[in-house]
PDB file of all heavy atoms in Angstrom:
ATOM      1  N   CYS A   1       0.886  -1.178   0.073  1.00  0.00           N
ATOM      2  CA  CYS A   1       0.005  -0.027   0.009  1.00  0.00           C
ATOM      3  C   CYS A   1       0.906   1.166   0.052  1.00  0.00           C
ATOM      4  O   CYS A   1       1.077   1.908   1.120  1.00  0.00           O
ATOM      5  CB  CYS A   1      -0.898   0.023   1.238  1.00  0.00           C
ATOM      6  SG  CYS A   1      -1.897  -1.459   1.429  1.00  0.00           S
ATOM      7  N   PRO A   2       1.429   1.646  -1.147  1.00  0.00           N
ATOM      8  CA  PRO A   2       2.554   2.650  -1.186  1.00  0.00           C
ATOM      9  C   PRO A   2       1.839   3.991  -0.809  1.00  0.00           C
ATOM     10  O   PRO A   2       2.734   4.970  -0.450  1.00  0.00           O
ATOM     11  CB  PRO A   2       3.028   2.708  -2.650  1.00  0.00           C
ATOM     12  CG  PRO A   2       1.956   1.859  -3.385  1.00  0.00           C
ATOM     13  CD  PRO A   2       1.270   0.972  -2.532  1.00  0.00           C
ATOM     14  N   ASN A   3       0.585   4.283  -0.870  1.00  0.00           N
ATOM     15  CA  ASN A   3       0.028   5.495  -0.564  1.00  0.00           C
ATOM     16  C   ASN A   3      -0.392   5.613   0.912  1.00  0.00           C
ATOM     17  O   ASN A   3      -1.046   6.622   1.319  1.00  0.00           O
ATOM     18  CB  ASN A   3      -1.048   5.695  -1.333  1.00  0.00           C
ATOM     19  CG  ASN A   3      -0.769   5.958  -2.962  1.00  0.00           C
ATOM     20  OD1 ASN A   3       0.376   6.508  -3.151  1.00  0.00           O
ATOM     21  ND2 ASN A   3      -1.496   5.463  -3.865  1.00  0.00           N
ATOM     22  N   ASP A   4      -0.188   4.633   1.734  1.00  0.00           N
ATOM     23  CA  ASP A   4      -0.456   4.605   3.115  1.00  0.00           C
ATOM     24  C   ASP A   4       0.231   5.886   3.831  1.00  0.00           C
ATOM     25  O   ASP A   4       1.249   6.126   3.524  1.00  0.00           O
ATOM     26  CB  ASP A   4       0.033   3.332   3.817  1.00  0.00           C
ATOM     27  CG  ASP A   4      -1.037   2.217   3.957  1.00  0.00           C
ATOM     28  OD1 ASP A   4      -2.016   2.473   3.305  1.00  0.00           O
ATOM     29  OD2 ASP A   4      -0.879   1.358   4.645  1.00  0.00           O
ATOM     30  N   THR A   5      -0.546   6.427   4.809  1.00  0.00           N
ATOM     31  CA  THR A   5      -0.024   7.381   5.635  1.00  0.00           C
ATOM     32  C   THR A   5       0.764   6.676   6.909  1.00  0.00           C
ATOM     33  O   THR A   5       0.548   5.565   7.164  1.00  0.00           O
ATOM     34  CB  THR A   5      -1.139   8.311   6.173  1.00  0.00           C
ATOM     35  OG1 THR A   5      -1.795   7.586   7.117  1.00  0.00           O
ATOM     36  CG2 THR A   5      -1.766   8.964   5.095  1.00  0.00           C
ATOM     37  N   PRO A   6       1.684   7.368   7.504  1.00  0.00           N
ATOM     38  CA  PRO A   6       2.295   6.753   8.640  1.00  0.00           C
ATOM     39  C   PRO A   6       1.192   6.322   9.714  1.00  0.00           C
ATOM     40  O   PRO A   6       1.445   5.248  10.319  1.00  0.00           O
ATOM     41  CB  PRO A   6       3.178   7.893   9.327  1.00  0.00           C
ATOM     42  CG  PRO A   6       3.509   8.732   8.074  1.00  0.00           C
ATOM     43  CD  PRO A   6       2.306   8.664   7.198  1.00  0.00           C
ATOM     44  N   THR A   7       0.139   6.993   9.888  1.00  0.00           N
ATOM     45  CA  THR A   7      -0.881   6.795  10.793  1.00  0.00           C
ATOM     46  C   THR A   7      -1.471   5.316  10.305  1.00  0.00           C
ATOM     47  O   THR A   7      -1.659   4.439  11.086  1.00  0.00           O
ATOM     48  CB  THR A   7      -1.936   7.629  10.835  1.00  0.00           C
ATOM     49  OG1 THR A   7      -1.381   8.927  11.388  1.00  0.00           O
ATOM     50  CG2 THR A   7      -3.161   7.168  11.872  1.00  0.00           C
ATOM     51  N   GLN A   8      -1.791   5.137   9.081  1.00  0.00           N
ATOM     52  CA  GLN A   8      -2.426   3.913   8.578  1.00  0.00           C
ATOM     53  C   GLN A   8      -1.478   2.726   8.760  1.00  0.00           C
ATOM     54  O   GLN A   8      -1.783   1.652   9.104  1.00  0.00           O
ATOM     55  CB  GLN A   8      -2.788   4.163   7.145  1.00  0.00           C
ATOM     56  CG  GLN A   8      -3.994   5.003   6.904  1.00  0.00           C
ATOM     57  CD  GLN A   8      -4.180   5.450   5.338  1.00  0.00           C
ATOM     58  OE1 GLN A   8      -3.194   5.528   4.644  1.00  0.00           O
ATOM     59  NE2 GLN A   8      -5.288   5.827   5.181  1.00  0.00           N
ATOM     60  N   VAL A   9      -0.183   3.006   8.568  1.00  0.00           N
ATOM     61  CA  VAL A   9       0.914   1.890   8.632  1.00  0.00           C
ATOM     62  C   VAL A   9       0.883   1.424  10.129  1.00  0.00           C
ATOM     63  O   VAL A   9       0.839   0.232  10.559  1.00  0.00           O
ATOM     64  CB  VAL A   9       2.225   2.329   8.298  1.00  0.00           C
ATOM     65  CG1 VAL A   9       3.316   1.228   8.675  1.00  0.00           C
ATOM     66  CG2 VAL A   9       2.283   2.548   6.794  1.00  0.00           C
ATOM     67  N   GLU A  10       0.832   2.404  11.027  1.00  0.00           N
ATOM     68  CA  GLU A  10       0.794   2.085  12.409  1.00  0.00           C
ATOM     69  C   GLU A  10      -0.424   1.293  12.838  1.00  0.00           C
ATOM     70  O   GLU A  10      -0.444   0.277  13.455  1.00  0.00           O
ATOM     71  CB  GLU A  10       0.954   3.268  13.302  1.00  0.00           C
ATOM     72  CG  GLU A  10       0.897   3.026  14.813  1.00  0.00           C
ATOM     73  CD  GLU A  10       1.022   4.271  15.628  1.00  0.00           C
ATOM     74  OE1 GLU A  10       1.415   5.269  15.384  1.00  0.00           O
ATOM     75  OE2 GLU A  10       0.824   4.102  17.041  1.00  0.00           O
ATOM     76  N   ASN A  11      -1.639   1.753  12.257  1.00  0.00           N
ATOM     77  CA  ASN A  11      -2.841   1.084  12.562  1.00  0.00           C
ATOM     78  C   ASN A  11      -2.877  -0.331  12.077  1.00  0.00           C
ATOM     79  O   ASN A  11      -3.316  -1.302  12.801  1.00  0.00           O
ATOM     80  CB  ASN A  11      -3.937   1.824  12.069  1.00  0.00           C
ATOM     81  CG  ASN A  11      -4.322   3.101  12.717  1.00  0.00           C
ATOM     82  OD1 ASN A  11      -3.978   3.307  13.890  1.00  0.00           O
ATOM     83  ND2 ASN A  11      -4.980   4.131  12.167  1.00  0.00           N
ATOM     84  N   GLU A  12      -2.330  -0.492  10.875  1.00  0.00           N
ATOM     85  CA  GLU A  12      -2.353  -1.939  10.322  1.00  0.00           C
ATOM     86  C   GLU A  12      -1.314  -2.839  11.305  1.00  0.00           C
ATOM     87  O   GLU A  12      -1.717  -3.992  11.456  1.00  0.00           O
ATOM     88  CB  GLU A  12      -1.841  -1.833   8.937  1.00  0.00           C
ATOM     89  CG  GLU A  12      -2.962  -1.209   8.036  1.00  0.00           C
ATOM     90  CD  GLU A  12      -2.375  -0.586   6.834  1.00  0.00           C
ATOM     91  OE1 GLU A  12      -1.264  -0.957   6.413  1.00  0.00           O
ATOM     92  OE2 GLU A  12      -3.061   0.233   6.268  1.00  0.00           O
ATOM     93  N   ILE A  13      -0.214  -2.373  11.693  1.00  0.00           N
ATOM     94  CA  ILE A  13       0.680  -3.152  12.507  1.00  0.00           C
ATOM     95  C   ILE A  13       0.025  -3.452  13.807  1.00  0.00           C
ATOM     96  O   ILE A  13       0.070  -4.541  14.249  1.00  0.00           O
ATOM     97  CB  ILE A  13       1.960  -2.310  12.679  1.00  0.00           C
ATOM     98  CG1 ILE A  13       2.808  -2.373  11.393  1.00  0.00           C
ATOM     99  CG2 ILE A  13       2.851  -2.942  13.895  1.00  0.00           C
ATOM    100  CD1 ILE A  13       4.038  -1.567  11.398  1.00  0.00           C
ATOM    101  N   VAL A  14      -0.627  -2.459  14.458  1.00  0.00           N
ATOM    102  CA  VAL A  14      -1.275  -2.726  15.710  1.00  0.00           C
ATOM    103  C   VAL A  14      -2.458  -3.610  15.689  1.00  0.00           C
ATOM    104  O   VAL A  14      -2.754  -4.530  16.448  1.00  0.00           O
ATOM    105  CB  VAL A  14      -1.663  -1.384  16.419  1.00  0.00           C
ATOM    106  CG1 VAL A  14      -2.382  -1.553  17.648  1.00  0.00           C
ATOM    107  CG2 VAL A  14      -0.263  -0.567  16.649  1.00  0.00           C
ATOM    108  N   SER A  15      -3.347  -3.337  14.635  1.00  0.00           N
ATOM    109  CA  SER A  15      -4.510  -4.106  14.509  1.00  0.00           C
ATOM    110  C   SER A  15      -4.228  -5.668  14.247  1.00  0.00           C
ATOM    111  O   SER A  15      -4.988  -6.504  14.600  1.00  0.00           O
ATOM    112  CB  SER A  15      -5.392  -3.580  13.425  1.00  0.00           C
ATOM    113  OG  SER A  15      -4.812  -3.640  12.140  1.00  0.00           O
ATOM    114  N   GLY A  16      -3.054  -5.905  13.710  1.00  0.00           N
ATOM    115  CA  GLY A  16      -2.739  -7.300  13.297  1.00  0.00           C
ATOM    116  C   GLY A  16      -1.949  -7.946  14.300  1.00  0.00           C
ATOM    117  O   GLY A  16      -1.578  -9.104  14.141  1.00  0.00           O
ATOM    118  N   ALA A  17      -1.619  -7.378  15.552  1.00  0.00           N
ATOM    119  CA  ALA A  17      -0.850  -8.007  16.598  1.00  0.00           C
ATOM    120  C   ALA A  17      -1.683  -9.155  17.247  1.00  0.00           C
ATOM    121  O   ALA A  17      -2.843  -9.049  17.319  1.00  0.00           O
ATOM    122  CB  ALA A  17      -0.473  -6.984  17.556  1.00  0.00           C
ATOM    123  N   GLN A  18      -0.805 -10.004  17.730  1.00  0.00           N
ATOM    124  CA  GLN A  18      -1.448 -11.178  18.437  1.00  0.00           C
ATOM    125  C   GLN A  18      -1.418 -10.967  19.972  1.00  0.00           C
ATOM    126  O   GLN A  18      -0.359 -10.600  20.552  1.00  0.00           O
ATOM    127  CB  GLN A  18      -0.545 -12.485  18.179  1.00  0.00           C
ATOM    128  CG  GLN A  18      -0.948 -13.713  18.891  1.00  0.00           C
ATOM    129  CD  GLN A  18       0.108 -14.878  18.502  1.00  0.00           C
ATOM    130  OE1 GLN A  18       0.470 -14.961  17.433  1.00  0.00           O
ATOM    131  NE2 GLN A  18       0.391 -15.636  19.609  1.00  0.00           N
ATOM    132  N   ALA A  19      -2.501 -11.181  20.570  1.00  0.00           N
ATOM    133  CA  ALA A  19      -2.567 -10.894  21.958  1.00  0.00           C
ATOM    134  C   ALA A  19      -1.561 -11.832  22.822  1.00  0.00           C
ATOM    135  O   ALA A  19      -1.342 -13.087  22.481  1.00  0.00           O
ATOM    136  CB  ALA A  19      -3.926 -11.248  22.544  1.00  0.00           C
ATOM    137  N   LEU A  20      -1.067 -11.264  23.757  1.00  0.00           N
ATOM    138  CA  LEU A  20      -0.007 -11.882  24.548  1.00  0.00           C
ATOM    139  C   LEU A  20      -0.656 -12.762  25.652  1.00  0.00           C
ATOM    140  O   LEU A  20      -1.640 -12.205  26.245  1.00  0.00           O
ATOM    141  CB  LEU A  20       1.121 -10.990  25.124  1.00  0.00           C
ATOM    142  CG  LEU A  20       2.005 -10.321  24.153  1.00  0.00           C
ATOM    143  CD1 LEU A  20       2.772  -9.301  24.762  1.00  0.00           C
ATOM    144  CD2 LEU A  20       2.923 -11.296  23.414  1.00  0.00           C
ATOM    145  N   ALA A  21      -0.045 -13.845  25.953  1.00  0.00           N
ATOM    146  CA  ALA A  21      -0.697 -14.693  27.088  1.00  0.00           C
ATOM    147  C   ALA A  21      -0.154 -13.977  28.517  1.00  0.00           C
ATOM    148  O   ALA A  21       0.769 -13.169  28.503  1.00  0.00           O
ATOM    149  CB  ALA A  21      -0.073 -16.105  27.243  1.00  0.00           C
ATOM    150  N   PRO A  22      -0.921 -14.241  29.626  1.00  0.00           N
ATOM    151  CA  PRO A  22      -0.417 -13.554  30.919  1.00  0.00           C
ATOM    152  C   PRO A  22       1.050 -13.939  31.184  1.00  0.00           C
ATOM    153  O   PRO A  22       1.469 -15.108  30.836  1.00  0.00           O
ATOM    154  CB  PRO A  22      -1.381 -14.154  31.885  1.00  0.00           C
ATOM    155  CG  PRO A  22      -2.617 -14.683  31.137  1.00  0.00           C
ATOM    156  CD  PRO A  22      -1.968 -14.945  29.735  1.00  0.00           C
ATOM    157  N   PRO A  23       1.815 -13.037  31.839  1.00  0.00           N
ATOM    158  CA  PRO A  23       3.228 -13.352  32.072  1.00  0.00           C
ATOM    159  C   PRO A  23       3.342 -14.378  33.024  1.00  0.00           C
ATOM    160  O   PRO A  23       2.398 -14.697  33.882  1.00  0.00           O
ATOM    161  CB  PRO A  23       3.752 -11.920  32.603  1.00  0.00           C
ATOM    162  CG  PRO A  23       2.605 -11.223  33.077  1.00  0.00           C
ATOM    163  CD  PRO A  23       1.472 -11.632  32.252  1.00  0.00           C
ATOM    164  N   PRO A  24       4.413 -15.072  32.973  1.00  0.00           N
ATOM    165  CA  PRO A  24       4.695 -16.114  34.074  1.00  0.00           C
ATOM    166  C   PRO A  24       4.805 -15.553  35.573  1.00  0.00           C
ATOM    167  O   PRO A  24       4.970 -14.480  35.756  1.00  0.00           O
ATOM    168  CB  PRO A  24       6.108 -16.675  33.715  1.00  0.00           C
ATOM    169  CG  PRO A  24       6.450 -16.163  32.365  1.00  0.00           C
ATOM    170  CD  PRO A  24       5.671 -14.964  32.155  1.00  0.00           C
ATOM    171  N   PRO A  25       4.413 -16.536  36.481  1.00  0.00           N
ATOM    172  CA  PRO A  25       4.448 -15.989  37.899  1.00  0.00           C
ATOM    173  C   PRO A  25       5.667 -15.342  38.257  1.00  0.00           C
ATOM    174  O   PRO A  25       6.829 -15.889  37.953  1.00  0.00           O
ATOM    175  CB  PRO A  25       4.137 -17.232  38.621  1.00  0.00           C
ATOM    176  CG  PRO A  25       3.480 -18.087  37.670  1.00  0.00           C
ATOM    177  CD  PRO A  25       3.948 -17.789  36.344  1.00  0.00           C
ATOM    178  N   GLY A  26       5.625 -14.429  39.026  1.00  0.00           N
ATOM    179  CA  GLY A  26       6.816 -13.604  39.419  1.00  0.00           C
ATOM    180  C   GLY A  26       7.441 -12.526  38.455  1.00  0.00           C
ATOM    181  O   GLY A  26       8.500 -12.079  38.653  1.00  0.00           O
ATOM    182  N   THR A  27       6.756 -12.420  37.254  1.00  0.00           N
ATOM    183  CA  THR A  27       7.266 -11.459  36.249  1.00  0.00           C
ATOM    184  C   THR A  27       6.092 -10.634  35.904  1.00  0.00           C
ATOM    185  O   THR A  27       4.775 -10.847  36.338  1.00  0.00           O
ATOM    186  CB  THR A  27       7.605 -12.314  34.971  1.00  0.00           C
ATOM    187  OG1 THR A  27       6.550 -12.848  34.371  1.00  0.00           O
ATOM    188  CG2 THR A  27       8.809 -13.326  35.221  1.00  0.00           C
ATOM    189  N   THR A  28       6.381  -9.520  35.242  1.00  0.00           N
ATOM    190  CA  THR A  28       5.233  -8.586  34.765  1.00  0.00           C
ATOM    191  C   THR A  28       5.335  -8.462  33.260  1.00  0.00           C
ATOM    192  O   THR A  28       6.342  -8.620  32.638  1.00  0.00           O
ATOM    193  CB  THR A  28       5.408  -7.187  35.438  1.00  0.00           C
ATOM    194  OG1 THR A  28       6.790  -6.749  35.043  1.00  0.00           O
ATOM    195  CG2 THR A  28       5.341  -7.288  36.979  1.00  0.00           C
ATOM    196  N   GLY A  29       4.219  -8.115  32.823  1.00  0.00           N
ATOM    197  CA  GLY A  29       4.155  -7.940  31.310  1.00  0.00           C
ATOM    198  C   GLY A  29       4.187  -6.527  31.026  1.00  0.00           C
ATOM    199  O   GLY A  29       4.844  -5.556  31.769  1.00  0.00           O
ATOM    200  N   PHE A  30       3.586  -6.024  29.947  1.00  0.00           N
ATOM    201  CA  PHE A  30       3.559  -4.620  29.596  1.00  0.00           C
ATOM    202  C   PHE A  30       2.447  -3.861  30.321  1.00  0.00           C
ATOM    203  O   PHE A  30       1.327  -4.397  30.589  1.00  0.00           O
ATOM    204  CB  PHE A  30       3.537  -4.379  27.973  1.00  0.00           C
ATOM    205  CG  PHE A  30       4.646  -4.924  27.298  1.00  0.00           C
ATOM    206  CD1 PHE A  30       4.622  -6.272  26.723  1.00  0.00           C
ATOM    207  CD2 PHE A  30       5.733  -4.229  27.140  1.00  0.00           C
ATOM    208  CE1 PHE A  30       5.587  -6.800  26.065  1.00  0.00           C
ATOM    209  CE2 PHE A  30       6.831  -4.624  26.329  1.00  0.00           C
ATOM    210  CZ  PHE A  30       6.792  -5.912  25.871  1.00  0.00           C
ATOM    211  N   VAL A  31       2.677  -2.551  30.550  1.00  0.00           N
ATOM    212  CA  VAL A  31       1.645  -1.841  31.470  1.00  0.00           C
ATOM    213  C   VAL A  31       0.296  -1.898  30.534  1.00  0.00           C
ATOM    214  O   VAL A  31      -0.824  -2.089  31.269  1.00  0.00           O
ATOM    215  CB  VAL A  31       2.126  -0.241  31.521  1.00  0.00           C
ATOM    216  CG1 VAL A  31       0.985   0.480  32.060  1.00  0.00           C
ATOM    217  CG2 VAL A  31       3.194  -0.343  32.456  1.00  0.00           C
ATOM    218  N   SER A  32       0.357  -1.587  29.240  1.00  0.00           N
ATOM    219  CA  SER A  32      -0.945  -1.609  28.597  1.00  0.00           C
ATOM    220  C   SER A  32      -1.315  -3.083  28.072  1.00  0.00           C
ATOM    221  O   SER A  32      -0.521  -3.726  27.352  1.00  0.00           O
ATOM    222  CB  SER A  32      -0.768  -0.707  27.297  1.00  0.00           C
ATOM    223  OG  SER A  32      -1.844  -0.865  26.538  1.00  0.00           O
ATOM    224  N   PRO A  33      -2.428  -3.425  28.507  1.00  0.00           N
ATOM    225  CA  PRO A  33      -2.849  -4.777  27.956  1.00  0.00           C
ATOM    226  C   PRO A  33      -3.010  -4.878  26.450  1.00  0.00           C
ATOM    227  O   PRO A  33      -3.197  -5.992  25.841  1.00  0.00           O
ATOM    228  CB  PRO A  33      -4.222  -4.973  28.725  1.00  0.00           C
ATOM    229  CG  PRO A  33      -4.619  -3.780  29.003  1.00  0.00           C
ATOM    230  CD  PRO A  33      -3.560  -2.800  29.285  1.00  0.00           C
ATOM    231  N   ALA A  34      -3.036  -3.667  25.774  1.00  0.00           N
ATOM    232  CA  ALA A  34      -3.207  -3.688  24.348  1.00  0.00           C
ATOM    233  C   ALA A  34      -1.971  -4.103  23.584  1.00  0.00           C
ATOM    234  O   ALA A  34      -2.030  -4.293  22.406  1.00  0.00           O
ATOM    235  CB  ALA A  34      -3.807  -2.325  23.988  1.00  0.00           C
TER     236      ALA A  34
END
């Protein structure tokens, strides 16, 4: 999609992300669950 804007590229990357499983006991994940 050569005419994509930077915002559209970011949205496509974020919307295609795979949800992460809960972190192992004793560890923490990312602050944002998104």
